[in-house]
Amino acid sequence: AKKWINIRKSYGNFYKVPRNQTKLTIMLEKLGMNYDGRPHSGLDDSKNIARIAVRMLQDGCELRVNERMHAGQLMTVSSLAPLEGAPAPQMPRYRN
């Protein structure tokens, strides 16, 4: 992967919190969620990060690529850069 979304950066920017409040357990706690699974398990961490991403989308965040590798160096992608790929998924609308 050469481009990705750093959820910690997105969370901090969207909810206007400092970097020291973007640890996984703190983000979950502030969103009223408990950590599911075993801490530091790659699969469980990924599932919890996905839960945060879903909540951010529900709260109106537009998740977008914010980091990339270029010539072996980590680069920040400007929030003014055009969106890439497909639009963010929308929550399903249920008919009554």
Protein backbone atom coordinates (compact mmCIF):
# COMPACT_ATOMS: atom_id res chain seq x y z
CA ALA A 1 0.00 0.00 0.00
CA LYS A 2 1.37 3.38 -0.95
CA LYS A 3 -1.61 5.45 0.20
CA TRP A 4 -3.82 5.06 3.25
CA ILE A 5 -6.06 6.76 5.80
CA ASN A 6 -4.37 7.34 9.14
CA ILE A 7 -7.45 7.07 11.35
CA ARG A 8 -5.69 8.83 14.23
CA LYS A 9 -5.10 11.92 12.09
CA SER A 10 -8.63 11.84 10.71
CA TYR A 11 -10.12 11.41 14.19
CA GLY A 12 -8.05 14.25 15.67
CA ASN A 13 -8.89 16.64 12.84
CA PHE A 14 -12.59 15.76 12.74
CA TYR A 15 -13.29 15.83 16.48
CA LYS A 16 -10.73 18.61 17.14
CA VAL A 17 -8.70 16.74 19.74
CA PRO A 18 -4.93 16.77 20.34
CA ARG A 19 -2.72 13.92 19.15
CA ASN A 20 -2.36 12.51 22.70
CA GLN A 21 -6.10 11.76 22.66
CA THR A 22 -5.95 9.62 19.52
CA LYS A 23 -4.80 6.33 21.01
CA LEU A 24 -7.12 3.48 20.05
CA THR A 25 -8.54 2.90 23.54
CA ILE A 26 -9.08 6.62 24.14
CA MET A 27 -10.83 7.10 20.78
CA LEU A 28 -13.17 4.21 21.56
CA GLU A 29 -13.85 5.50 25.07
CA LYS A 30 -14.66 9.03 23.84
CA LEU A 31 -17.10 7.53 21.32
CA GLY A 32 -18.80 5.52 24.07
CA MET A 33 -17.46 2.18 22.87
CA ASN A 34 -15.59 -0.61 24.63
CA TYR A 35 -12.54 -2.32 23.17
CA ASP A 36 -13.65 -5.65 21.67
CA GLY A 37 -11.15 -8.51 21.77
CA ARG A 38 -7.55 -8.79 22.93
CA PRO A 39 -5.40 -5.63 23.02
CA HIS A 40 -2.58 -5.59 20.46
CA SER A 41 -4.14 -8.39 18.42
CA GLY A 42 -3.85 -7.26 14.80
CA LEU A 43 -7.28 -8.59 13.89
CA ASP A 44 -9.01 -7.17 16.98
CA ASP A 45 -7.26 -3.79 16.59
CA SER A 46 -8.39 -3.69 12.94
CA LYS A 47 -11.99 -4.46 13.86
CA ASN A 48 -11.98 -1.72 16.49
CA ILE A 49 -10.45 0.77 14.06
CA ALA A 50 -13.21 -0.14 11.58
CA ARG A 51 -15.84 0.54 14.26
CA ILE A 52 -14.30 3.99 14.80
CA ALA A 53 -14.30 4.65 11.05
CA VAL A 54 -17.98 3.67 10.76
CA ARG A 55 -18.88 5.97 13.64
CA MET A 56 -16.94 8.83 12.07
CA LEU A 57 -18.82 8.33 8.80
CA GLN A 58 -22.11 8.32 10.70
CA ASP A 59 -21.07 11.59 12.37
CA GLY A 60 -20.46 13.17 8.94
CA CYS A 61 -16.71 12.75 8.52
CA GLU A 62 -15.43 12.42 4.96
CA LEU A 63 -12.60 9.92 5.30
CA ARG A 64 -9.89 10.42 2.73
CA VAL A 65 -6.29 9.42 2.06
CA ASN A 66 -4.08 11.47 4.37
CA GLU A 67 -0.71 9.69 4.18
CA ARG A 68 1.37 8.11 1.45
CA MET A 69 4.83 6.74 0.72
CA HIS A 70 6.93 8.54 -1.87
CA ALA A 71 10.49 7.47 -2.62
CA GLY A 72 10.60 5.59 0.67
CA GLN A 73 9.51 8.62 2.70
CA LEU A 74 6.27 9.04 4.67
CA MET A 75 4.36 12.03 3.30
CA THR A 76 1.25 13.80 4.56
CA VAL A 77 -1.43 14.28 1.91
CA SER A 78 -3.08 17.69 1.97
CA SER A 79 -6.75 17.75 2.92
CA LEU A 80 -7.19 20.00 -0.12
CA ALA A 81 -6.08 17.22 -2.48
CA PRO A 82 -8.89 15.84 -4.65
CA LEU A 83 -10.70 12.75 -3.42
CA GLU A 84 -9.52 9.49 -4.90
CA GLY A 85 -11.46 6.37 -5.78
CA ALA A 86 -15.08 5.70 -5.07
CA PRO A 87 -17.12 7.94 -2.75
CA ALA A 88 -17.41 6.93 0.89
CA PRO A 89 -20.11 4.34 1.48
CA GLN A 90 -23.43 5.62 2.74
CA MET A 91 -25.43 4.02 5.52
CA PRO A 92 -28.32 2.03 4.05
CA ARG A 93 -31.67 3.73 4.00
CA TYR A 94 -34.49 1.60 5.26
CA ARG A 95 -37.98 1.93 3.84
CA ASN A 96 -40.91 2.04 6.20
